Amino acid sequence: MRFAVLGLGEAGAALARDLVAAGAEVAGYDPATGGPPGVREAAGAGEAVAGAAVVLSVNSAAVAERLAAQAMPAAPPGSVWADLNTAPPAAKERLAGLAERHRLEFADVALLAAVPPRGLATPSLACGPGARTYAEAVRPLGGSVELLDAPPGAAAARKLIRSTVMKGFAAAILESLAAARAAGCEQWVRAGLDEQLGAEWVERLVTGSARHAARRTAEMDAAAELLRTLGVVPRVTEAARDVLAALAAGG
């Protein structure tokens, strides 16, 4: 089976690497970086998706729609366009409409954990008309997909709702460590957090927040927007967004 991976950053590269290791033929495109060994690097998104049975869009919500508009005309009719980006439900709905116009099966796929080091085995939730086909394509290769009987946008909404907890945890830990640093007891506070929550998890929250601050700021903006549509005041969500925005600005 032929796959295309659009976006070869940390997550996309890990997924592409596992697909190749499982025996799949993989074409990839990323204007900023090359792909892992075994991935055929395309000169453009359209070239990457030509002939692919399944397309994995793993770039960012900010560019996903523009890239889809450019590349979908080159994808074979009937192929699956799986959007794995964290985006508002409305964005997933627009992508689904665009895919339908190009006779593609759209899958809204929400990755529910950090992709490295799990790669293709990262737990995910998928919905939309192409969700089952997507699951049937990646499960034999090691993919972990739970199907949600719902229209596009539902998987994205569930991930955003859950993200309020995870990013809120991260913001609280970062603020606590900043206060401990100012008070001269950072090592003591960090040791306690590591013991109670797990050193690996705390480190992932701290380093991941810094590394992906800009993307996660946008994610929390989307989460806050969703919560407001649900009638929930996004106090913690907006606070987490502000912490991430400060990190993205170099704070």
Protein backbone atom coordinates (compact mmCIF):
# COMPACT_ATOMS: atom_id res chain seq x y z
CA MET A 1 0.00 0.00 0.00
CA ARG A 2 1.21 3.47 -0.85
CA PHE A 3 1.11 6.23 1.75
CA ALA A 4 1.90 9.93 1.58
CA VAL A 5 2.95 11.88 4.66
CA LEU A 6 2.66 15.65 4.45
CA GLY A 7 4.81 17.16 7.19
CA LEU A 8 8.00 15.43 8.27
CA GLY A 9 8.58 17.10 11.60
CA GLU A 10 8.83 15.22 14.87
CA ALA A 11 5.45 13.48 14.57
CA GLY A 12 5.31 13.04 10.80
CA ALA A 13 8.82 11.62 10.62
CA ALA A 14 8.05 9.07 13.35
CA LEU A 15 4.89 7.93 11.56
CA ALA A 16 6.64 7.75 8.19
CA ARG A 17 9.53 5.79 9.71
CA ASP A 18 7.19 3.19 11.17
CA LEU A 19 5.24 2.86 7.92
CA VAL A 20 8.47 2.17 6.03
CA ALA A 21 9.61 -0.31 8.69
CA ALA A 22 6.27 -2.14 8.32
CA GLY A 23 6.84 -2.54 4.59
CA ALA A 24 4.72 0.28 3.19
CA GLU A 25 5.74 2.47 0.29
CA VAL A 26 5.90 6.06 1.59
CA ALA A 27 6.28 9.39 -0.16
CA GLY A 28 6.79 12.48 1.96
CA TYR A 29 6.83 16.23 1.62
CA ASP A 30 8.02 18.94 3.95
CA PRO A 31 9.44 22.25 2.70
CA ALA A 32 11.59 22.64 5.80
CA THR A 33 13.12 19.22 6.40
CA GLY A 34 13.96 15.91 4.76
CA GLY A 35 12.37 12.59 5.52
CA PRO A 36 13.71 9.55 7.35
CA PRO A 37 15.49 6.77 5.42
CA GLY A 38 13.21 4.86 3.09
CA VAL A 39 10.82 7.76 2.49
CA ARG A 40 10.71 9.03 -1.09
CA GLU A 41 10.99 12.79 -0.80
CA ALA A 42 8.66 14.61 -3.19
CA ALA A 43 9.26 18.06 -4.62
CA GLY A 44 5.77 19.18 -3.63
CA ALA A 45 2.63 18.09 -1.83
CA GLY A 46 0.84 17.22 -5.08
CA GLU A 47 3.69 14.99 -6.17
CA ALA A 48 3.70 13.26 -2.78
CA VAL A 49 0.00 12.36 -2.82
CA ALA A 50 -0.16 11.26 -6.46
CA GLY A 51 -0.82 7.53 -6.45
CA ALA A 52 -1.23 7.29 -2.65
CA ALA A 53 -4.02 5.19 -1.20
CA VAL A 54 -3.79 6.99 2.15
CA VAL A 55 -2.58 10.54 2.83
CA LEU A 56 -1.52 11.55 6.34
CA SER A 57 -1.54 15.32 6.83
CA VAL A 58 0.70 15.94 9.84
CA ASN A 59 1.86 19.53 9.40
CA SER A 60 -0.07 22.10 11.46
CA ALA A 61 -3.60 23.41 11.68
CA ALA A 62 -2.34 26.77 10.40
CA VAL A 63 -1.39 25.35 6.98
CA ALA A 64 -3.51 22.18 6.73
CA GLU A 65 -6.36 23.72 4.75
CA ARG A 66 -4.13 25.62 2.34
CA LEU A 67 -2.00 22.54 1.73
CA ALA A 68 -5.08 20.37 1.23
CA ALA A 69 -6.46 22.79 -1.36
CA GLN A 70 -3.17 22.56 -3.26
CA ALA A 71 -2.66 18.81 -3.03
CA MET A 72 -6.11 17.19 -3.02
CA PRO A 73 -6.60 17.57 -6.80
CA ALA A 74 -3.56 15.30 -7.30
CA ALA A 75 -4.78 12.54 -4.96
CA PRO A 76 -6.46 9.52 -6.62
CA PRO A 77 -10.27 9.55 -6.31
CA GLY A 78 -11.37 7.22 -3.54
CA SER A 79 -8.16 7.57 -1.55
CA VAL A 80 -8.23 8.50 2.13
CA TRP A 81 -7.23 11.97 3.31
CA ALA A 82 -6.47 11.64 7.02
CA ASP A 83 -5.96 14.92 8.84
CA LEU A 84 -3.96 14.29 12.01
CA ASN A 85 -3.52 17.95 12.95
CA THR A 86 -4.99 19.43 16.10
CA ALA A 87 -7.57 21.89 14.79
CA PRO A 88 -11.01 23.24 15.71
CA PRO A 89 -13.95 21.04 14.68
CA ALA A 90 -15.05 23.66 12.14
CA ALA A 91 -11.70 23.34 10.34
CA LYS A 92 -12.11 19.57 10.13
CA GLU A 93 -15.60 20.06 8.69
CA ARG A 94 -14.22 22.37 6.01
CA LEU A 95 -11.51 19.86 5.13
CA ALA A 96 -14.14 17.12 4.90
CA GLY A 97 -16.15 19.25 2.46
CA LEU A 98 -13.06 19.92 0.37
CA ALA A 99 -12.22 16.21 0.30
CA GLU A 100 -15.75 15.34 -0.78
CA ARG A 101 -15.51 17.76 -3.69
CA HIS A 102 -12.37 15.95 -4.83
CA ARG A 103 -14.02 12.52 -4.32
CA LEU A 104 -11.73 11.62 -1.41
CA GLU A 105 -12.64 9.86 1.84
CA PHE A 106 -11.91 12.16 4.77
CA ALA A 107 -10.79 10.97 8.21
CA ASP A 108 -10.57 13.26 11.22
CA VAL A 109 -7.79 11.64 13.27
CA ALA A 110 -6.90 12.84 16.79
CA LEU A 111 -3.56 11.69 18.18
CA LEU A 112 -4.09 11.15 21.90
CA ALA A 113 -0.47 11.05 23.10
CA ALA A 114 2.95 12.33 22.16
CA VAL A 115 3.95 10.56 18.93
CA PRO A 116 7.60 9.96 19.82
CA PRO A 117 8.44 7.35 20.97
CA ARG A 118 5.27 5.40 20.07
CA GLY A 119 5.18 6.36 16.41
CA LEU A 120 2.42 4.60 14.50
CA ALA A 121 1.31 2.87 17.71
CA THR A 122 0.30 6.23 19.25
CA PRO A 123 -3.32 5.89 20.45
CA SER A 124 -5.68 7.76 18.18
CA LEU A 125 -9.36 8.44 17.65
CA ALA A 126 -10.80 8.61 14.13
CA CYS A 127 -14.16 9.61 12.70
CA GLY A 128 -15.62 10.70 9.38
CA PRO A 129 -16.40 8.84 6.15
CA GLY A 130 -12.81 7.62 5.66
CA ALA A 131 -12.13 6.64 9.27
CA ARG A 132 -12.76 2.93 8.89
CA THR A 133 -10.68 2.67 5.72
CA TYR A 134 -7.88 4.57 7.43
CA ALA A 135 -8.00 2.23 10.43
CA GLU A 136 -7.98 -0.85 8.19
CA ALA A 137 -4.92 0.51 6.39
CA VAL A 138 -2.77 1.31 9.43
CA ARG A 139 -3.81 -1.30 11.98
CA PRO A 140 -2.03 -4.21 10.22
CA LEU A 141 1.11 -2.04 10.19
CA GLY A 142 1.00 -1.35 13.93
CA GLY A 143 -1.42 1.58 14.06
CA SER A 144 -3.63 2.08 17.11
CA VAL A 145 -6.99 3.52 16.06
CA GLU A 146 -10.29 3.72 17.94
CA LEU A 147 -13.24 4.42 15.66
CA LEU A 148 -15.82 7.02 16.63
CA ASP A 149 -19.19 6.82 14.90
CA ALA A 150 -19.54 10.55 14.38
CA PRO A 151 -19.05 13.19 11.68
CA PRO A 152 -15.72 14.96 11.08
CA GLY A 153 -14.80 17.30 13.91
CA ALA A 154 -15.95 15.02 16.72
CA ALA A 155 -12.52 13.45 17.25
CA ALA A 156 -10.90 16.89 17.18
CA ALA A 157 -13.39 18.17 19.75
CA ARG A 158 -12.68 15.32 22.15
CA LYS A 159 -8.95 15.88 21.88
CA LEU A 160 -9.28 19.62 22.51
CA ILE A 161 -11.44 19.00 25.56
CA ARG A 162 -8.86 16.59 26.93
CA SER A 163 -6.07 19.02 26.11
CA THR A 164 -7.42 21.48 28.66
CA VAL A 165 -6.26 19.02 31.34
CA MET A 166 -2.88 18.14 29.84
CA LYS A 167 -1.86 21.70 28.94
CA GLY A 168 -3.30 22.96 32.21
CA PHE A 169 -1.09 20.48 34.08
CA ALA A 170 1.92 21.67 32.09
CA ALA A 171 1.18 25.33 32.81
CA ALA A 172 0.80 24.66 36.53
CA ILE A 173 4.09 22.73 36.65
CA LEU A 174 5.95 25.46 34.75
CA GLU A 175 4.58 28.15 37.05
CA SER A 176 5.46 26.12 40.13
CA LEU A 177 9.01 25.56 38.93
CA ALA A 178 9.41 29.26 38.11
CA ALA A 179 8.32 30.16 41.62
CA ALA A 180 10.62 27.52 43.10
CA ARG A 181 13.51 28.89 41.06
CA ALA A 182 12.86 32.38 42.39
CA ALA A 183 12.65 31.04 45.94
CA GLY A 184 15.83 29.00 45.60
CA CYS A 185 14.20 25.62 46.06
CA GLU A 186 13.69 24.40 42.49
CA GLN A 187 15.55 21.13 42.98
CA TRP A 188 13.43 20.25 46.02
CA VAL A 189 10.13 21.09 44.26
CA ARG A 190 11.14 19.26 41.09
CA ALA A 191 12.08 16.14 43.08
CA GLY A 192 8.66 16.14 44.72
CA LEU A 193 6.87 16.55 41.38
CA ASP A 194 8.95 13.76 39.86
CA GLU A 195 8.12 11.44 42.74
CA GLN A 196 4.40 12.17 42.72
CA LEU A 197 3.75 12.42 38.98
CA GLY A 198 6.63 10.50 37.41
CA ALA A 199 9.91 12.04 36.34
CA GLU A 200 9.53 11.10 32.67
CA TRP A 201 6.05 12.62 32.43
CA VAL A 202 7.09 15.86 34.17
CA GLU A 203 10.13 16.20 31.93
CA ARG A 204 8.00 15.64 28.83
CA LEU A 205 5.57 18.36 29.91
CA VAL A 206 8.36 20.82 30.65
CA THR A 207 10.49 20.25 27.55
CA GLY A 208 7.51 19.64 25.25
CA SER A 209 5.86 22.89 26.28
CA ALA A 210 8.99 24.83 25.37
CA ARG A 211 9.65 22.96 22.12
CA HIS A 212 6.07 23.16 20.82
CA ALA A 213 4.93 26.38 22.49
CA ALA A 214 3.68 28.10 19.33
CA ARG A 215 1.67 25.11 18.11
CA ARG A 216 0.21 24.45 21.55
CA THR A 217 -0.77 28.10 21.94
CA ALA A 218 -2.90 27.73 18.81
CA GLU A 219 -4.28 24.46 20.19
CA MET A 220 -5.38 26.16 23.40
CA ASP A 221 -6.95 29.00 21.43
CA ALA A 222 -8.98 26.38 19.57
CA ALA A 223 -9.87 24.64 22.84
CA ALA A 224 -11.01 27.92 24.42
CA GLU A 225 -13.18 28.65 21.38
CA LEU A 226 -14.74 25.20 21.60
CA LEU A 227 -15.45 25.50 25.33
CA ARG A 228 -17.20 28.82 24.81
CA THR A 229 -19.46 27.27 22.16
CA LEU A 230 -20.31 24.58 24.74
CA GLY A 231 -21.23 27.22 27.32
CA VAL A 232 -18.16 26.59 29.48
CA VAL A 233 -15.97 29.50 30.62
CA PRO A 234 -12.39 28.49 29.60
CA ARG A 235 -10.54 29.93 32.61
CA VAL A 236 -7.88 27.22 32.94
CA THR A 237 -7.61 26.79 29.17
CA GLU A 238 -6.93 30.48 28.59
CA ALA A 239 -4.41 30.57 31.44
CA ALA A 240 -2.55 27.63 29.88
CA ARG A 241 -2.65 29.39 26.52
CA ASP A 242 -1.11 32.52 28.06
CA VAL A 243 1.72 30.49 29.61
CA LEU A 244 2.44 28.82 26.26
CA ALA A 245 2.24 32.15 24.43
CA ALA A 246 4.84 33.57 26.81
CA LEU A 247 7.10 30.59 26.13
CA ALA A 248 6.65 31.02 22.38
CA ALA A 249 7.66 34.67 22.75
CA GLY A 250 10.82 33.67 24.57
CA GLY A 251 9.54 34.13 28.11
